[in-house]
Structures are given as C-alpha cells and as structure tokens.
N, C-alpha and C. Protein backbone atom coordinates (compact mmCIF):
# COMPACT_ATOMS: atom_id res chain seq x y z
N MET A 1 -58.08 84.94 175.47
CA MET A 1 -58.07 83.77 176.34
C MET A 1 -56.62 83.36 176.59
N GLN A 2 -56.31 82.90 177.79
CA GLN A 2 -54.96 82.56 178.19
C GLN A 2 -54.66 81.10 177.89
N GLU A 3 -53.41 80.83 177.42
CA GLU A 3 -53.01 79.45 177.19
C GLU A 3 -52.79 78.73 178.51
N ARG A 4 -53.10 77.44 178.52
CA ARG A 4 -52.86 76.62 179.70
C ARG A 4 -52.63 75.18 179.24
N LEU A 5 -52.07 74.38 180.15
CA LEU A 5 -51.83 72.97 179.86
C LEU A 5 -53.12 72.18 179.95
N VAL A 6 -53.36 71.35 178.92
CA VAL A 6 -54.55 70.49 178.90
C VAL A 6 -54.13 69.09 178.48
N ALA A 7 -54.96 68.12 178.79
CA ALA A 7 -54.71 66.73 178.39
C ALA A 7 -54.76 66.62 176.87
N ASN A 8 -53.78 65.96 176.30
CA ASN A 8 -53.72 65.75 174.85
C ASN A 8 -54.51 64.48 174.52
N SER A 9 -55.81 64.55 174.72
CA SER A 9 -56.70 63.38 174.59
C SER A 9 -56.81 62.86 173.17
N SER A 10 -56.58 63.70 172.18
CA SER A 10 -56.67 63.22 170.80
C SER A 10 -55.51 62.29 170.47
N ARG A 11 -54.32 62.57 171.00
CA ARG A 11 -53.17 61.69 170.76
C ARG A 11 -53.13 60.54 171.77
N PHE A 12 -53.65 60.79 172.97
CA PHE A 12 -53.59 59.80 174.05
C PHE A 12 -54.97 59.41 174.53
N PRO A 13 -55.70 58.57 173.75
CA PRO A 13 -56.96 58.06 174.26
C PRO A 13 -56.67 57.28 175.55
N HIS A 14 -57.63 57.22 176.44
CA HIS A 14 -57.36 56.65 177.76
C HIS A 14 -58.54 55.84 178.29
N GLU A 15 -58.22 55.01 179.26
CA GLU A 15 -59.22 54.20 179.94
C GLU A 15 -58.76 54.06 181.40
N THR A 16 -59.68 54.20 182.33
CA THR A 16 -59.36 54.00 183.74
C THR A 16 -60.06 52.73 184.23
N ILE A 17 -59.24 51.83 184.81
CA ILE A 17 -59.74 50.56 185.33
C ILE A 17 -59.14 50.37 186.71
N ASP A 18 -59.97 50.16 187.70
CA ASP A 18 -59.50 49.93 189.08
C ASP A 18 -58.49 50.99 189.54
N ASN A 19 -58.84 52.24 189.33
CA ASN A 19 -58.04 53.38 189.76
C ASN A 19 -56.66 53.49 189.11
N GLU A 20 -56.47 52.81 188.00
CA GLU A 20 -55.26 52.98 187.19
C GLU A 20 -55.69 53.41 185.80
N THR A 21 -55.02 54.43 185.30
CA THR A 21 -55.36 54.94 183.98
C THR A 21 -54.30 54.49 182.98
N ILE A 22 -54.78 54.00 181.86
CA ILE A 22 -53.92 53.55 180.78
C ILE A 22 -54.11 54.52 179.61
N LEU A 23 -53.00 55.06 179.12
CA LEU A 23 -53.01 55.95 177.96
C LEU A 23 -52.40 55.19 176.79
N PHE A 24 -52.99 55.33 175.63
CA PHE A 24 -52.44 54.74 174.41
C PHE A 24 -51.94 55.86 173.53
N ASP A 25 -50.67 55.86 173.20
CA ASP A 25 -50.10 56.88 172.32
C ASP A 25 -50.42 56.51 170.88
N ALA A 26 -51.35 57.23 170.27
CA ALA A 26 -51.81 56.94 168.93
C ALA A 26 -50.72 57.15 167.88
N GLU A 27 -49.68 57.92 168.19
CA GLU A 27 -48.60 58.15 167.22
C GLU A 27 -47.54 57.05 167.26
N THR A 28 -47.19 56.57 168.44
CA THR A 28 -46.10 55.60 168.57
C THR A 28 -46.57 54.19 168.86
N GLY A 29 -47.80 54.05 169.35
CA GLY A 29 -48.31 52.75 169.74
C GLY A 29 -47.92 52.35 171.15
N HIS A 30 -47.19 53.21 171.86
CA HIS A 30 -46.78 52.90 173.23
C HIS A 30 -47.96 53.04 174.18
N ILE A 31 -47.89 52.30 175.26
CA ILE A 31 -48.89 52.37 176.31
C ILE A 31 -48.23 52.98 177.54
N VAL A 32 -48.94 53.92 178.18
CA VAL A 32 -48.44 54.60 179.37
C VAL A 32 -49.41 54.29 180.50
N LEU A 33 -48.87 53.87 181.64
CA LEU A 33 -49.69 53.58 182.80
C LEU A 33 -49.50 54.70 183.82
N LEU A 34 -50.58 55.27 184.28
CA LEU A 34 -50.53 56.29 185.32
C LEU A 34 -50.83 55.62 186.66
N ALA A 35 -49.95 55.83 187.64
CA ALA A 35 -50.09 55.16 188.92
C ALA A 35 -50.16 56.18 190.06
N GLY A 36 -50.44 55.69 191.27
CA GLY A 36 -50.58 56.57 192.42
C GLY A 36 -51.83 57.40 192.27
N CYS A 37 -51.76 58.66 192.65
CA CYS A 37 -52.90 59.58 192.51
C CYS A 37 -53.04 60.10 191.09
N ALA A 38 -52.23 59.58 190.19
CA ALA A 38 -52.24 60.07 188.80
C ALA A 38 -53.61 59.91 188.13
N SER A 39 -54.32 58.82 188.41
CA SER A 39 -55.63 58.62 187.78
C SER A 39 -56.62 59.70 188.20
N VAL A 40 -56.58 60.08 189.46
CA VAL A 40 -57.46 61.14 189.94
C VAL A 40 -57.08 62.46 189.27
N LEU A 41 -55.79 62.76 189.24
CA LEU A 41 -55.35 64.01 188.62
C LEU A 41 -55.72 64.02 187.13
N TRP A 42 -55.53 62.90 186.45
CA TRP A 42 -55.87 62.81 185.03
C TRP A 42 -57.36 63.08 184.83
N SER A 43 -58.20 62.50 185.67
CA SER A 43 -59.64 62.70 185.51
C SER A 43 -60.00 64.18 185.66
N HIS A 44 -59.31 64.88 186.53
CA HIS A 44 -59.56 66.32 186.71
C HIS A 44 -59.05 67.11 185.51
N LEU A 45 -57.90 66.69 184.95
CA LEU A 45 -57.37 67.35 183.76
C LEU A 45 -58.33 67.19 182.57
N VAL A 46 -58.80 65.96 182.37
CA VAL A 46 -59.73 65.68 181.27
C VAL A 46 -61.03 66.44 181.48
N TYR A 47 -61.44 66.57 182.71
CA TYR A 47 -62.66 67.32 183.03
C TYR A 47 -62.52 68.80 182.67
N GLY A 48 -61.28 69.29 182.70
CA GLY A 48 -61.03 70.68 182.33
C GLY A 48 -60.39 71.52 183.40
N THR A 49 -60.04 70.91 184.53
CA THR A 49 -59.39 71.65 185.62
C THR A 49 -57.95 71.96 185.23
N GLY A 50 -57.51 73.17 185.49
CA GLY A 50 -56.16 73.59 185.13
C GLY A 50 -55.11 73.03 186.06
N VAL A 51 -53.88 72.95 185.56
CA VAL A 51 -52.74 72.43 186.31
C VAL A 51 -52.50 73.24 187.57
N ALA A 52 -52.50 74.56 187.47
CA ALA A 52 -52.25 75.40 188.65
C ALA A 52 -53.32 75.19 189.71
N GLN A 53 -54.56 75.11 189.28
CA GLN A 53 -55.66 74.88 190.22
C GLN A 53 -55.52 73.51 190.90
N LEU A 54 -55.12 72.50 190.13
CA LEU A 54 -54.93 71.16 190.71
C LEU A 54 -53.79 71.15 191.72
N CYS A 55 -52.69 71.84 191.40
CA CYS A 55 -51.56 71.91 192.34
C CYS A 55 -52.00 72.59 193.64
N ASP A 56 -52.77 73.65 193.53
CA ASP A 56 -53.29 74.33 194.72
C ASP A 56 -54.19 73.41 195.54
N GLU A 57 -55.05 72.67 194.85
CA GLU A 57 -55.98 71.76 195.52
C GLU A 57 -55.21 70.65 196.24
N VAL A 58 -54.22 70.08 195.57
CA VAL A 58 -53.41 69.01 196.18
C VAL A 58 -52.71 69.54 197.43
N GLU A 59 -52.14 70.75 197.33
CA GLU A 59 -51.46 71.31 198.48
C GLU A 59 -52.41 71.55 199.64
N SER A 60 -53.59 72.05 199.36
CA SER A 60 -54.53 72.33 200.44
C SER A 60 -55.03 71.04 201.10
N ARG A 61 -55.11 69.96 200.36
CA ARG A 61 -55.59 68.69 200.90
C ARG A 61 -54.49 67.85 201.55
N PHE A 62 -53.27 67.87 200.92
CA PHE A 62 -52.25 66.91 201.31
C PHE A 62 -50.90 67.52 201.70
N GLY A 63 -50.72 68.84 201.52
CA GLY A 63 -49.48 69.47 201.93
C GLY A 63 -48.51 69.81 200.80
N SER A 64 -47.44 70.50 201.17
CA SER A 64 -46.50 71.02 200.17
C SER A 64 -45.67 69.92 199.49
N ASP A 65 -45.35 68.83 200.18
CA ASP A 65 -44.62 67.73 199.54
C ASP A 65 -45.47 67.10 198.44
N ALA A 66 -46.75 66.96 198.70
CA ALA A 66 -47.66 66.42 197.70
C ALA A 66 -47.74 67.34 196.49
N ARG A 67 -47.74 68.65 196.75
CA ARG A 67 -47.77 69.61 195.64
C ARG A 67 -46.53 69.46 194.79
N ALA A 68 -45.35 69.32 195.42
CA ALA A 68 -44.10 69.18 194.68
C ALA A 68 -44.14 67.92 193.80
N GLY A 69 -44.63 66.82 194.34
CA GLY A 69 -44.74 65.58 193.56
C GLY A 69 -45.71 65.71 192.41
N THR A 70 -46.79 66.44 192.66
CA THR A 70 -47.80 66.67 191.62
C THR A 70 -47.24 67.54 190.51
N GLN A 71 -46.51 68.60 190.88
CA GLN A 71 -45.93 69.48 189.87
C GLN A 71 -44.91 68.74 189.01
N LYS A 72 -44.10 67.87 189.65
CA LYS A 72 -43.13 67.08 188.89
C LYS A 72 -43.86 66.16 187.92
N PHE A 73 -44.94 65.55 188.37
CA PHE A 73 -45.75 64.67 187.51
C PHE A 73 -46.26 65.45 186.30
N PHE A 74 -46.80 66.64 186.53
CA PHE A 74 -47.30 67.46 185.42
C PHE A 74 -46.16 67.87 184.49
N ASP A 75 -44.99 68.18 185.04
CA ASP A 75 -43.83 68.51 184.21
C ASP A 75 -43.44 67.32 183.33
N ASP A 76 -43.48 66.11 183.90
CA ASP A 76 -43.18 64.89 183.14
C ASP A 76 -44.20 64.67 182.01
N LEU A 77 -45.49 64.89 182.33
CA LEU A 77 -46.53 64.76 181.30
C LEU A 77 -46.33 65.77 180.18
N HIS A 78 -45.98 66.98 180.53
CA HIS A 78 -45.74 68.02 179.53
C HIS A 78 -44.53 67.66 178.67
N ALA A 79 -43.45 67.19 179.28
CA ALA A 79 -42.26 66.81 178.53
C ALA A 79 -42.55 65.67 177.55
N ALA A 80 -43.50 64.80 177.90
CA ALA A 80 -43.88 63.66 177.04
C ALA A 80 -44.99 64.02 176.05
N ASN A 81 -45.38 65.28 176.00
CA ASN A 81 -46.46 65.77 175.13
C ASN A 81 -47.82 65.17 175.47
N ILE A 82 -47.95 64.66 176.68
CA ILE A 82 -49.26 64.16 177.15
C ILE A 82 -50.12 65.33 177.61
N LEU A 83 -49.47 66.38 178.10
CA LEU A 83 -50.11 67.66 178.34
C LEU A 83 -49.56 68.64 177.32
N VAL A 84 -50.43 69.44 176.72
CA VAL A 84 -50.03 70.41 175.71
C VAL A 84 -50.65 71.76 176.03
N MET A 85 -50.03 72.80 175.50
CA MET A 85 -50.58 74.15 175.67
C MET A 85 -51.78 74.33 174.75
N SER A 86 -52.82 74.96 175.27
CA SER A 86 -54.02 75.22 174.48
C SER A 86 -54.69 76.48 175.00
N ASP A 87 -55.37 77.17 174.10
CA ASP A 87 -56.16 78.33 174.54
C ASP A 87 -57.65 78.00 174.49
N ASN A 88 -57.97 76.72 174.27
CA ASN A 88 -59.36 76.27 174.27
C ASN A 88 -59.74 75.74 175.63
N ASP A 89 -60.92 76.07 176.08
CA ASP A 89 -61.45 75.49 177.30
C ASP A 89 -62.06 74.14 176.93
N VAL A 90 -61.54 73.10 177.54
CA VAL A 90 -62.04 71.76 177.28
C VAL A 90 -62.66 71.24 178.57
N GLN A 91 -63.87 70.71 178.45
CA GLN A 91 -64.50 70.15 179.64
C GLN A 91 -65.25 68.89 179.24
N SER A 92 -65.01 67.84 179.99
CA SER A 92 -65.66 66.56 179.78
C SER A 92 -67.03 66.58 180.46
N ALA A 93 -67.92 65.79 179.92
CA ALA A 93 -69.24 65.64 180.54
C ALA A 93 -69.18 64.71 181.74
N VAL A 94 -68.10 63.94 181.84
CA VAL A 94 -67.93 62.99 182.93
C VAL A 94 -67.24 63.69 184.10
N ALA A 95 -67.85 63.61 185.28
CA ALA A 95 -67.28 64.25 186.47
C ALA A 95 -65.96 63.60 186.83
N PRO A 96 -65.01 64.37 187.38
CA PRO A 96 -63.72 63.80 187.76
C PRO A 96 -63.86 62.86 188.96
N SER A 97 -62.86 62.01 189.13
CA SER A 97 -62.83 61.07 190.24
C SER A 97 -62.73 61.82 191.57
N PRO A 98 -63.29 61.26 192.63
CA PRO A 98 -63.17 61.91 193.95
C PRO A 98 -61.74 61.81 194.47
N TRP A 99 -61.39 62.75 195.33
CA TRP A 99 -60.05 62.76 195.93
C TRP A 99 -59.92 61.60 196.90
N PRO A 100 -58.76 60.96 196.92
CA PRO A 100 -58.53 59.87 197.88
C PRO A 100 -58.30 60.41 199.28
N ALA A 101 -58.41 59.55 200.26
CA ALA A 101 -58.16 59.96 201.65
C ALA A 101 -56.67 60.16 201.89
N GLN A 102 -55.84 59.46 201.15
CA GLN A 102 -54.40 59.54 201.32
C GLN A 102 -53.74 59.79 199.97
N PHE A 103 -52.70 60.63 199.98
CA PHE A 103 -51.97 60.97 198.76
C PHE A 103 -50.91 59.92 198.48
N VAL A 104 -50.87 59.43 197.25
CA VAL A 104 -49.79 58.58 196.78
C VAL A 104 -49.19 59.28 195.58
N THR A 105 -47.89 59.57 195.62
CA THR A 105 -47.24 60.35 194.58
C THR A 105 -47.58 59.80 193.19
N PRO A 106 -48.05 60.67 192.30
CA PRO A 106 -48.39 60.23 190.95
C PRO A 106 -47.14 59.89 190.16
N ALA A 107 -47.27 58.91 189.27
CA ALA A 107 -46.11 58.49 188.49
C ALA A 107 -46.57 57.96 187.13
N LEU A 108 -45.65 58.07 186.16
CA LEU A 108 -45.84 57.47 184.85
C LEU A 108 -45.32 56.06 184.88
C-alpha cells in the first residue's frame, strides 16, 4: 500500500460550525481555525479523499489558481503536522461537504 497524506484526527479533533472548521491541538492546547474553502477540503480529507485527488478536483472545478492555493494550504497543514503520512486507508462514515459555487482560498 502506498503512503499518502491524511488528516491527523487523533491529534486534531475537529468541529465544523457554519462552514468554519475548528481544530483543537490535543498536544499543545492551541486552536486552529480553517477558513475559506478549507472546511470543505477538510471534510473530504477526513472522509478519506487523497490530497492529489482533491487538488485535481479543485482544478477541474475552479481552475489552476485555485489548485495552487489548495496545494499551498495542504503544504501548510503538512508543515503543522495536521496532515501526516500514512499507509492506512481512513474513511469516515460521514459524507464530505458539498463543493461551493465559488472558490475562496483556504487558509489557516
């Protein structure tokens, strides 16, 4: 099985309220707010969709600039250990959020 980036849900329990996702860092006690399209992307990550597949989907829906913003967002999540490498397939029973009509650059 191939390694891929997955949501580090054990360290970062999360809650989505009004299209904003809040992550709680169980190690440091810090709270991280995901803004823009980040909540939708996070729901797809937690559901089990891979980063590369999500970047492809964003590009097909919203264009190459949106893909670049999404890739930077994923790079930032990885640098913060919010996304980690895993060889386990993780899939949530909860369906991911629907795609918005308009792309808003995801941000931490």
